[in-house]
């Protein structure tokens, strides 16, 4: 979700800041001279960024699932080797 806010970096120097945050992903921050420019950028780019992060999170879930299956298979294999030795 995007947040648009005004920031006064120096006296008399207004900057409009856009921040897009999503759990598990890097925060994306940009600065604009006007609020209008900031909001237009959000309308144009936020859906694309959020879609990309969703697909990235899906890929991470898939990789995590695969890693869990590999660990489980290795644990079972090691358990069988231990049983054979005894």
N, C-alpha and C. Protein backbone atom coordinates (compact mmCIF):
# COMPACT_ATOMS: atom_id res chain seq x y z
N UNK A 1 0.84 -1.17 0.00
CA UNK A 1 0.00 0.00 0.00
C UNK A 1 0.88 1.24 0.00
N UNK A 2 0.54 2.21 -0.79
CA UNK A 2 1.34 3.43 -0.91
C UNK A 2 0.88 4.48 0.09
N UNK A 3 1.86 5.22 0.59
CA UNK A 3 1.61 6.36 1.46
C UNK A 3 2.25 7.57 0.79
N UNK A 4 1.50 8.65 0.70
CA UNK A 4 2.02 9.90 0.13
C UNK A 4 1.99 10.94 1.25
N UNK A 5 3.14 11.59 1.50
CA UNK A 5 3.18 12.58 2.56
C UNK A 5 4.17 13.69 2.21
N UNK A 6 3.95 14.85 2.84
CA UNK A 6 4.81 16.01 2.60
C UNK A 6 5.93 16.00 3.63
N UNK A 7 7.10 16.34 3.14
CA UNK A 7 8.26 16.37 4.02
C UNK A 7 8.99 17.69 3.79
N UNK A 8 9.34 18.36 4.85
CA UNK A 8 10.09 19.62 4.75
C UNK A 8 11.55 19.33 5.11
N UNK A 9 12.36 19.09 4.07
CA UNK A 9 13.77 18.78 4.31
C UNK A 9 14.53 19.99 4.83
N UNK A 10 14.32 21.12 4.21
CA UNK A 10 14.96 22.38 4.61
C UNK A 10 13.86 23.43 4.71
N UNK A 11 14.06 24.49 5.48
CA UNK A 11 13.03 25.52 5.56
C UNK A 11 12.68 26.04 4.16
N UNK A 12 11.40 25.99 3.82
CA UNK A 12 10.93 26.46 2.53
C UNK A 12 11.08 25.45 1.41
N UNK A 13 11.60 24.27 1.69
CA UNK A 13 11.82 23.24 0.67
C UNK A 13 10.88 22.08 0.92
N UNK A 14 9.75 22.04 0.19
CA UNK A 14 8.78 20.96 0.34
C UNK A 14 9.08 19.85 -0.65
N UNK A 15 9.00 18.64 -0.16
CA UNK A 15 9.18 17.46 -0.99
C UNK A 15 8.03 16.52 -0.68
N UNK A 16 7.43 15.96 -1.73
CA UNK A 16 6.38 14.98 -1.56
C UNK A 16 6.99 13.60 -1.70
N UNK A 17 6.74 12.78 -0.73
CA UNK A 17 7.38 11.48 -0.63
C UNK A 17 6.34 10.39 -0.85
N UNK A 18 6.70 9.37 -1.61
CA UNK A 18 5.86 8.18 -1.80
C UNK A 18 6.61 7.01 -1.18
N UNK A 19 5.89 6.25 -0.36
CA UNK A 19 6.49 5.07 0.26
C UNK A 19 5.53 3.90 0.02
N UNK A 20 6.05 2.84 -0.57
CA UNK A 20 5.27 1.63 -0.77
C UNK A 20 5.91 0.54 0.08
N UNK A 21 5.10 0.01 1.00
CA UNK A 21 5.60 -1.02 1.91
C UNK A 21 4.74 -2.26 1.81
N UNK A 22 5.40 -3.39 1.89
CA UNK A 22 4.70 -4.66 1.90
C UNK A 22 5.50 -5.62 2.77
N UNK A 23 4.83 -6.32 3.64
CA UNK A 23 5.50 -7.24 4.55
C UNK A 23 6.33 -8.25 3.76
N UNK A 24 7.57 -8.42 4.18
CA UNK A 24 8.45 -9.37 3.54
C UNK A 24 9.19 -8.84 2.32
N UNK A 25 8.99 -7.57 1.98
CA UNK A 25 9.63 -6.99 0.80
C UNK A 25 10.32 -5.68 1.17
N UNK A 26 11.26 -5.29 0.34
CA UNK A 26 11.93 -4.01 0.55
C UNK A 26 10.96 -2.86 0.36
N UNK A 27 11.15 -1.80 1.15
CA UNK A 27 10.35 -0.60 1.01
C UNK A 27 10.83 0.19 -0.20
N UNK A 28 9.89 0.69 -0.98
CA UNK A 28 10.20 1.52 -2.15
C UNK A 28 9.84 2.96 -1.81
N UNK A 29 10.82 3.88 -1.90
CA UNK A 29 10.59 5.29 -1.59
C UNK A 29 11.05 6.16 -2.75
N UNK A 30 10.24 7.17 -3.06
CA UNK A 30 10.58 8.13 -4.10
C UNK A 30 10.15 9.51 -3.65
N UNK A 31 10.82 10.54 -4.18
CA UNK A 31 10.47 11.92 -3.85
C UNK A 31 10.02 12.66 -5.10
N UNK A 32 9.05 13.58 -4.91
CA UNK A 32 8.50 14.36 -6.02
C UNK A 32 8.38 15.81 -5.59
N UNK A 33 8.36 16.72 -6.56
CA UNK A 33 8.23 18.15 -6.27
C UNK A 33 6.80 18.53 -5.91
N UNK A 34 5.82 17.82 -6.48
CA UNK A 34 4.42 18.18 -6.22
C UNK A 34 3.63 16.95 -5.78
N UNK A 35 2.56 17.21 -5.03
CA UNK A 35 1.69 16.12 -4.59
C UNK A 35 1.04 15.45 -5.80
N UNK A 36 0.67 16.25 -6.79
CA UNK A 36 0.04 15.73 -8.00
C UNK A 36 0.94 14.71 -8.69
N UNK A 37 2.21 15.05 -8.84
CA UNK A 37 3.17 14.12 -9.47
C UNK A 37 3.29 12.82 -8.67
N UNK A 38 3.34 12.97 -7.36
CA UNK A 38 3.47 11.79 -6.50
C UNK A 38 2.26 10.87 -6.65
N UNK A 39 1.07 11.44 -6.59
CA UNK A 39 -0.16 10.63 -6.68
C UNK A 39 -0.32 10.00 -8.07
N UNK A 40 0.08 10.72 -9.12
CA UNK A 40 0.02 10.15 -10.46
C UNK A 40 0.97 8.97 -10.59
N UNK A 41 2.16 9.10 -10.02
CA UNK A 41 3.12 8.01 -10.06
C UNK A 41 2.56 6.78 -9.34
N UNK A 42 1.92 7.01 -8.19
CA UNK A 42 1.33 5.91 -7.43
C UNK A 42 0.27 5.20 -8.26
N UNK A 43 -0.63 5.96 -8.88
CA UNK A 43 -1.70 5.36 -9.68
C UNK A 43 -1.13 4.50 -10.80
N UNK A 44 -0.05 4.97 -11.40
CA UNK A 44 0.52 4.29 -12.55
C UNK A 44 1.36 3.08 -12.15
N UNK A 45 2.07 3.16 -11.03
CA UNK A 45 3.08 2.15 -10.71
C UNK A 45 2.76 1.22 -9.55
N UNK A 46 1.91 1.64 -8.63
CA UNK A 46 1.66 0.79 -7.46
C UNK A 46 1.12 -0.60 -7.83
N UNK A 47 0.12 -0.71 -8.70
CA UNK A 47 -0.38 -2.05 -9.02
C UNK A 47 0.70 -2.98 -9.58
N UNK A 48 1.55 -2.42 -10.43
CA UNK A 48 2.64 -3.22 -11.03
C UNK A 48 3.62 -3.69 -9.97
N UNK A 49 3.97 -2.79 -9.04
CA UNK A 49 4.92 -3.14 -7.97
C UNK A 49 4.33 -4.18 -7.05
N UNK A 50 3.06 -4.00 -6.65
CA UNK A 50 2.43 -4.97 -5.76
C UNK A 50 2.26 -6.32 -6.44
N UNK A 51 1.95 -6.33 -7.72
CA UNK A 51 1.82 -7.58 -8.45
C UNK A 51 3.16 -8.32 -8.50
N UNK A 52 4.22 -7.56 -8.72
CA UNK A 52 5.56 -8.16 -8.77
C UNK A 52 5.94 -8.74 -7.41
N UNK A 53 5.59 -8.04 -6.32
CA UNK A 53 5.94 -8.55 -4.99
C UNK A 53 5.12 -9.78 -4.65
N UNK A 54 3.86 -9.83 -5.11
CA UNK A 54 3.04 -11.02 -4.86
C UNK A 54 3.63 -12.22 -5.57
N UNK A 55 4.02 -12.06 -6.83
CA UNK A 55 4.60 -13.19 -7.55
C UNK A 55 5.94 -13.58 -6.93
N UNK A 56 6.71 -12.59 -6.45
CA UNK A 56 7.97 -12.89 -5.79
C UNK A 56 7.72 -13.68 -4.50
N UNK A 57 6.70 -13.26 -3.72
CA UNK A 57 6.39 -13.97 -2.49
C UNK A 57 5.90 -15.38 -2.79
N UNK A 58 5.13 -15.57 -3.87
CA UNK A 58 4.69 -16.90 -4.26
C UNK A 58 5.89 -17.78 -4.60
N UNK A 59 6.86 -17.24 -5.31
CA UNK A 59 8.07 -18.00 -5.65
C UNK A 59 8.84 -18.37 -4.39
N UNK A 60 8.91 -17.45 -3.43
CA UNK A 60 9.59 -17.74 -2.18
C UNK A 60 8.88 -18.84 -1.41
N UNK A 61 7.55 -18.82 -1.41
CA UNK A 61 6.78 -19.88 -0.74
C UNK A 61 7.06 -21.22 -1.40
N UNK A 62 7.08 -21.25 -2.75
CA UNK A 62 7.36 -22.48 -3.46
C UNK A 62 8.75 -23.01 -3.12
N UNK A 63 9.73 -22.11 -3.10
CA UNK A 63 11.10 -22.51 -2.77
C UNK A 63 11.17 -23.03 -1.34
N UNK A 64 10.46 -22.38 -0.43
CA UNK A 64 10.44 -22.82 0.97
C UNK A 64 9.82 -24.20 1.09
N UNK A 65 8.73 -24.43 0.36
CA UNK A 65 8.07 -25.73 0.39
C UNK A 65 9.01 -26.81 -0.13
N UNK A 66 9.71 -26.53 -1.22
CA UNK A 66 10.66 -27.50 -1.79
C UNK A 66 11.78 -27.78 -0.79
N UNK A 67 12.31 -26.74 -0.18
CA UNK A 67 13.38 -26.93 0.81
C UNK A 67 12.90 -27.76 2.00
N UNK A 68 11.68 -27.53 2.43
CA UNK A 68 11.12 -28.32 3.54
C UNK A 68 11.00 -29.79 3.15
N UNK A 69 10.55 -30.05 1.92
CA UNK A 69 10.42 -31.45 1.45
C UNK A 69 11.80 -32.12 1.38
N UNK A 70 12.80 -31.39 0.91
CA UNK A 70 14.16 -31.95 0.82
C UNK A 70 14.69 -32.27 2.22
N UNK A 71 14.50 -31.35 3.17
CA UNK A 71 14.95 -31.60 4.55
C UNK A 71 14.25 -32.82 5.15
N UNK A 72 12.95 -32.92 4.90
CA UNK A 72 12.19 -34.06 5.42
C UNK A 72 12.70 -35.36 4.81
N UNK A 73 12.95 -35.38 3.49
CA UNK A 73 13.46 -36.58 2.84
C UNK A 73 14.83 -36.95 3.39
N UNK A 74 15.69 -35.96 3.62
CA UNK A 74 17.02 -36.23 4.19
C UNK A 74 16.91 -36.78 5.61
N UNK A 75 15.98 -36.24 6.38
CA UNK A 75 15.80 -36.71 7.76
C UNK A 75 15.35 -38.17 7.76
N UNK A 76 14.40 -38.50 6.88
CA UNK A 76 13.91 -39.88 6.80
C UNK A 76 15.03 -40.81 6.36
N UNK A 77 15.82 -40.38 5.35
CA UNK A 77 16.94 -41.19 4.88
C UNK A 77 17.94 -41.44 6.01
N UNK A 78 18.26 -40.39 6.76
CA UNK A 78 19.20 -40.53 7.87
C UNK A 78 18.65 -41.44 8.96
N UNK A 79 17.34 -41.37 9.23
CA UNK A 79 16.72 -42.25 10.21
C UNK A 79 16.84 -43.71 9.78
N UNK A 80 16.64 -43.99 8.48
CA UNK A 80 16.74 -45.37 7.98
C UNK A 80 18.17 -45.87 8.07
N UNK A 81 19.15 -45.00 7.78
CA UNK A 81 20.55 -45.42 7.89
C UNK A 81 20.89 -45.76 9.32
N UNK A 82 20.38 -44.99 10.26
CA UNK A 82 20.64 -45.24 11.68
C UNK A 82 20.01 -46.56 12.11
N UNK A 83 18.80 -46.86 11.63
CA UNK A 83 18.13 -48.11 11.97
C UNK A 83 18.89 -49.32 11.41
N UNK A 84 19.46 -49.17 10.21
CA UNK A 84 20.18 -50.28 9.59
C UNK A 84 21.44 -50.62 10.37
N UNK A 85 22.08 -49.62 10.96
CA UNK A 85 23.32 -49.83 11.71
C UNK A 85 23.07 -50.57 13.02
N UNK A 86 21.88 -50.41 13.58
CA UNK A 86 21.62 -51.04 14.88
C UNK A 86 21.08 -52.42 14.77
